[in-house]
Amino acid sequence: MAKIMVRWRDDANNQWQDERQQDVEGELDFIYFQTPGQYRTRQWEFNLTDAVPFTIIAAEEEVTPLGY
């Protein structure tokens, strides 16, 4: 079974956050990662463990503006 790994870095920082993993169950599988923190910009990196076809169709992020 393939796994997807995600990591991210905020505000053009050189250091990536710890990688998180989740199993990919099959076609049209939904994945969910909780990635907390405060940032102005965020860069994502996704990797798969197996050579299987994979497409990100949509991404959604829930944010709370800080108001300053």
N, C-alpha and C. Protein backbone atom coordinates (compact mmCIF):
# COMPACT_ATOMS: atom_id res chain seq x y z
N MET A 1 0.84 -1.17 0.00
CA MET A 1 0.00 0.00 0.00
C MET A 1 0.90 1.25 0.00
N ALA A 2 0.58 2.17 -0.87
CA ALA A 2 1.37 3.40 -0.98
C ALA A 2 1.08 4.32 0.20
N LYS A 3 2.06 5.11 0.53
CA LYS A 3 1.91 6.15 1.54
C LYS A 3 2.21 7.49 0.89
N ILE A 4 1.50 8.52 1.34
CA ILE A 4 1.81 9.87 0.92
C ILE A 4 2.43 10.59 2.11
N MET A 5 3.46 11.35 1.82
CA MET A 5 4.12 12.13 2.86
C MET A 5 3.99 13.60 2.51
N VAL A 6 3.79 14.41 3.52
CA VAL A 6 3.70 15.85 3.31
C VAL A 6 4.58 16.54 4.34
N ARG A 7 5.23 17.60 3.91
CA ARG A 7 5.95 18.47 4.82
C ARG A 7 5.78 19.89 4.29
N TRP A 8 6.09 20.86 5.10
CA TRP A 8 5.87 22.25 4.71
C TRP A 8 6.89 23.15 5.39
N ARG A 9 7.03 24.33 4.83
CA ARG A 9 7.85 25.35 5.46
C ARG A 9 7.14 26.69 5.30
N ASP A 10 7.33 27.53 6.29
CA ASP A 10 6.60 28.79 6.36
C ASP A 10 7.52 29.98 6.12
N ASP A 11 6.98 30.98 5.46
CA ASP A 11 7.61 32.30 5.31
C ASP A 11 9.04 32.21 4.75
N ALA A 12 9.22 31.39 3.72
CA ALA A 12 10.51 31.24 3.02
C ALA A 12 11.63 30.77 3.94
N ASN A 13 11.30 30.06 5.00
CA ASN A 13 12.30 29.49 5.91
C ASN A 13 13.03 28.34 5.20
N ASN A 14 14.28 28.14 5.51
CA ASN A 14 15.04 27.05 4.90
C ASN A 14 14.75 25.70 5.53
N GLN A 15 14.18 25.67 6.73
CA GLN A 15 13.95 24.42 7.46
C GLN A 15 12.52 23.93 7.24
N TRP A 16 12.41 22.66 6.83
CA TRP A 16 11.11 22.01 6.65
C TRP A 16 10.60 21.49 7.99
N GLN A 17 9.29 21.45 8.16
CA GLN A 17 8.67 20.84 9.33
C GLN A 17 8.77 19.32 9.21
N ASP A 18 8.57 18.62 10.31
CA ASP A 18 8.62 17.16 10.30
C ASP A 18 7.57 16.61 9.33
N GLU A 19 7.99 15.58 8.61
CA GLU A 19 7.13 14.95 7.62
C GLU A 19 5.99 14.19 8.29
N ARG A 20 4.82 14.23 7.69
CA ARG A 20 3.67 13.45 8.17
C ARG A 20 3.28 12.48 7.07
N GLN A 21 2.81 11.28 7.47
CA GLN A 21 2.47 10.23 6.51
C GLN A 21 1.03 9.78 6.66
N GLN A 22 0.49 9.30 5.55
CA GLN A 22 -0.84 8.70 5.57
C GLN A 22 -0.92 7.66 4.46
N ASP A 23 -1.61 6.54 4.72
CA ASP A 23 -1.81 5.51 3.70
C ASP A 23 -2.75 6.03 2.62
N VAL A 24 -2.48 5.63 1.38
CA VAL A 24 -3.38 5.92 0.26
C VAL A 24 -4.15 4.64 0.01
N GLU A 25 -5.42 4.66 0.29
CA GLU A 25 -6.25 3.45 0.24
C GLU A 25 -6.59 3.00 -1.18
N GLY A 26 -6.74 3.92 -2.10
CA GLY A 26 -7.10 3.53 -3.47
C GLY A 26 -7.47 4.76 -4.27
N GLU A 27 -8.07 4.52 -5.43
CA GLU A 27 -8.46 5.63 -6.29
C GLU A 27 -9.46 6.54 -5.59
N LEU A 28 -9.35 7.83 -5.86
CA LEU A 28 -10.24 8.86 -5.32
C LEU A 28 -10.25 8.88 -3.79
N ASP A 29 -9.13 8.57 -3.20
CA ASP A 29 -9.02 8.59 -1.74
C ASP A 29 -8.84 10.03 -1.26
N PHE A 30 -9.49 10.36 -0.17
CA PHE A 30 -9.32 11.67 0.45
C PHE A 30 -8.24 11.55 1.51
N ILE A 31 -7.36 12.53 1.57
CA ILE A 31 -6.34 12.54 2.61
C ILE A 31 -6.52 13.82 3.42
N TYR A 32 -6.14 13.75 4.68
CA TYR A 32 -6.29 14.88 5.58
C TYR A 32 -5.05 15.00 6.44
N PHE A 33 -4.46 16.16 6.44
CA PHE A 33 -3.31 16.45 7.29
C PHE A 33 -3.62 17.70 8.10
N GLN A 34 -3.35 17.65 9.38
CA GLN A 34 -3.46 18.84 10.21
C GLN A 34 -2.07 19.45 10.31
N THR A 35 -1.93 20.69 9.86
CA THR A 35 -0.63 21.35 9.83
C THR A 35 -0.76 22.70 10.54
N PRO A 36 -0.62 22.72 11.85
CA PRO A 36 -0.83 23.95 12.61
C PRO A 36 0.31 24.94 12.46
N GLY A 37 0.06 26.15 12.94
CA GLY A 37 1.10 27.16 12.95
C GLY A 37 0.63 28.48 12.39
N GLN A 38 1.41 29.50 12.63
CA GLN A 38 1.13 30.83 12.09
C GLN A 38 2.12 31.11 10.97
N TYR A 39 1.64 31.71 9.90
CA TYR A 39 2.50 31.99 8.77
C TYR A 39 1.85 33.03 7.86
N ARG A 40 2.67 33.65 7.04
CA ARG A 40 2.18 34.54 5.99
C ARG A 40 2.13 33.80 4.65
N THR A 41 3.11 32.94 4.41
CA THR A 41 3.14 32.10 3.23
C THR A 41 3.56 30.69 3.65
N ARG A 42 3.07 29.70 2.94
CA ARG A 42 3.42 28.31 3.24
C ARG A 42 3.71 27.57 1.94
N GLN A 43 4.81 26.82 1.92
CA GLN A 43 5.19 25.99 0.78
C GLN A 43 5.01 24.53 1.18
N TRP A 44 4.38 23.76 0.32
CA TRP A 44 4.09 22.35 0.58
C TRP A 44 4.98 21.47 -0.29
N GLU A 45 5.30 20.26 0.23
CA GLU A 45 5.98 19.23 -0.55
C GLU A 45 5.27 17.90 -0.30
N PHE A 46 4.86 17.24 -1.38
CA PHE A 46 4.19 15.94 -1.30
C PHE A 46 5.07 14.89 -1.98
N ASN A 47 5.19 13.72 -1.36
CA ASN A 47 5.95 12.59 -1.91
C ASN A 47 5.14 11.31 -1.73
N LEU A 48 5.29 10.40 -2.68
CA LEU A 48 4.66 9.08 -2.60
C LEU A 48 5.74 8.02 -2.47
N THR A 49 5.44 6.95 -1.72
CA THR A 49 6.41 5.87 -1.54
C THR A 49 6.48 4.94 -2.74
N ASP A 50 5.39 4.82 -3.50
CA ASP A 50 5.34 3.89 -4.63
C ASP A 50 5.15 4.67 -5.93
N ALA A 51 5.56 4.05 -7.04
CA ALA A 51 5.39 4.64 -8.36
C ALA A 51 3.98 4.34 -8.87
N VAL A 52 3.00 5.03 -8.33
CA VAL A 52 1.60 4.86 -8.74
C VAL A 52 1.09 6.20 -9.25
N PRO A 53 0.11 6.18 -10.16
CA PRO A 53 -0.45 7.43 -10.63
C PRO A 53 -1.08 8.20 -9.46
N PHE A 54 -0.81 9.50 -9.41
CA PHE A 54 -1.34 10.30 -8.31
C PHE A 54 -1.56 11.73 -8.80
N THR A 55 -2.71 12.29 -8.48
CA THR A 55 -3.05 13.65 -8.86
C THR A 55 -3.72 14.34 -7.68
N ILE A 56 -3.30 15.54 -7.39
CA ILE A 56 -4.02 16.36 -6.41
C ILE A 56 -5.07 17.13 -7.18
N ILE A 57 -6.33 16.82 -6.92
CA ILE A 57 -7.43 17.45 -7.65
C ILE A 57 -7.83 18.76 -7.00
N ALA A 58 -7.82 18.80 -5.69
CA ALA A 58 -8.19 20.02 -4.97
C ALA A 58 -7.52 20.02 -3.62
N ALA A 59 -7.34 21.20 -3.07
CA ALA A 59 -6.79 21.35 -1.73
C ALA A 59 -7.62 22.40 -1.01
N GLU A 60 -7.82 22.19 0.26
CA GLU A 60 -8.60 23.12 1.06
C GLU A 60 -7.85 23.37 2.36
N GLU A 61 -7.85 24.62 2.80
CA GLU A 61 -7.17 24.98 4.03
C GLU A 61 -8.09 25.86 4.86
N GLU A 62 -8.19 25.54 6.13
CA GLU A 62 -8.98 26.33 7.06
C GLU A 62 -8.04 27.26 7.82
N VAL A 63 -8.28 28.57 7.74
CA VAL A 63 -7.41 29.54 8.38
C VAL A 63 -8.24 30.49 9.26
N THR A 64 -7.59 31.07 10.25
CA THR A 64 -8.19 32.08 11.11
C THR A 64 -7.33 33.34 11.02
N PRO A 65 -7.83 34.42 10.42
CA PRO A 65 -7.05 35.65 10.36
C PRO A 65 -6.79 36.19 11.76
N LEU A 66 -5.58 36.72 11.97
CA LEU A 66 -5.21 37.22 13.29
C LEU A 66 -5.69 38.64 13.54
N GLY A 67 -5.98 39.41 12.51
CA GLY A 67 -6.57 40.71 12.69
C GLY A 67 -5.63 41.81 13.15
N TYR A 68 -4.40 41.76 12.73
CA TYR A 68 -3.51 42.88 13.03
C TYR A 68 -2.80 43.34 11.78
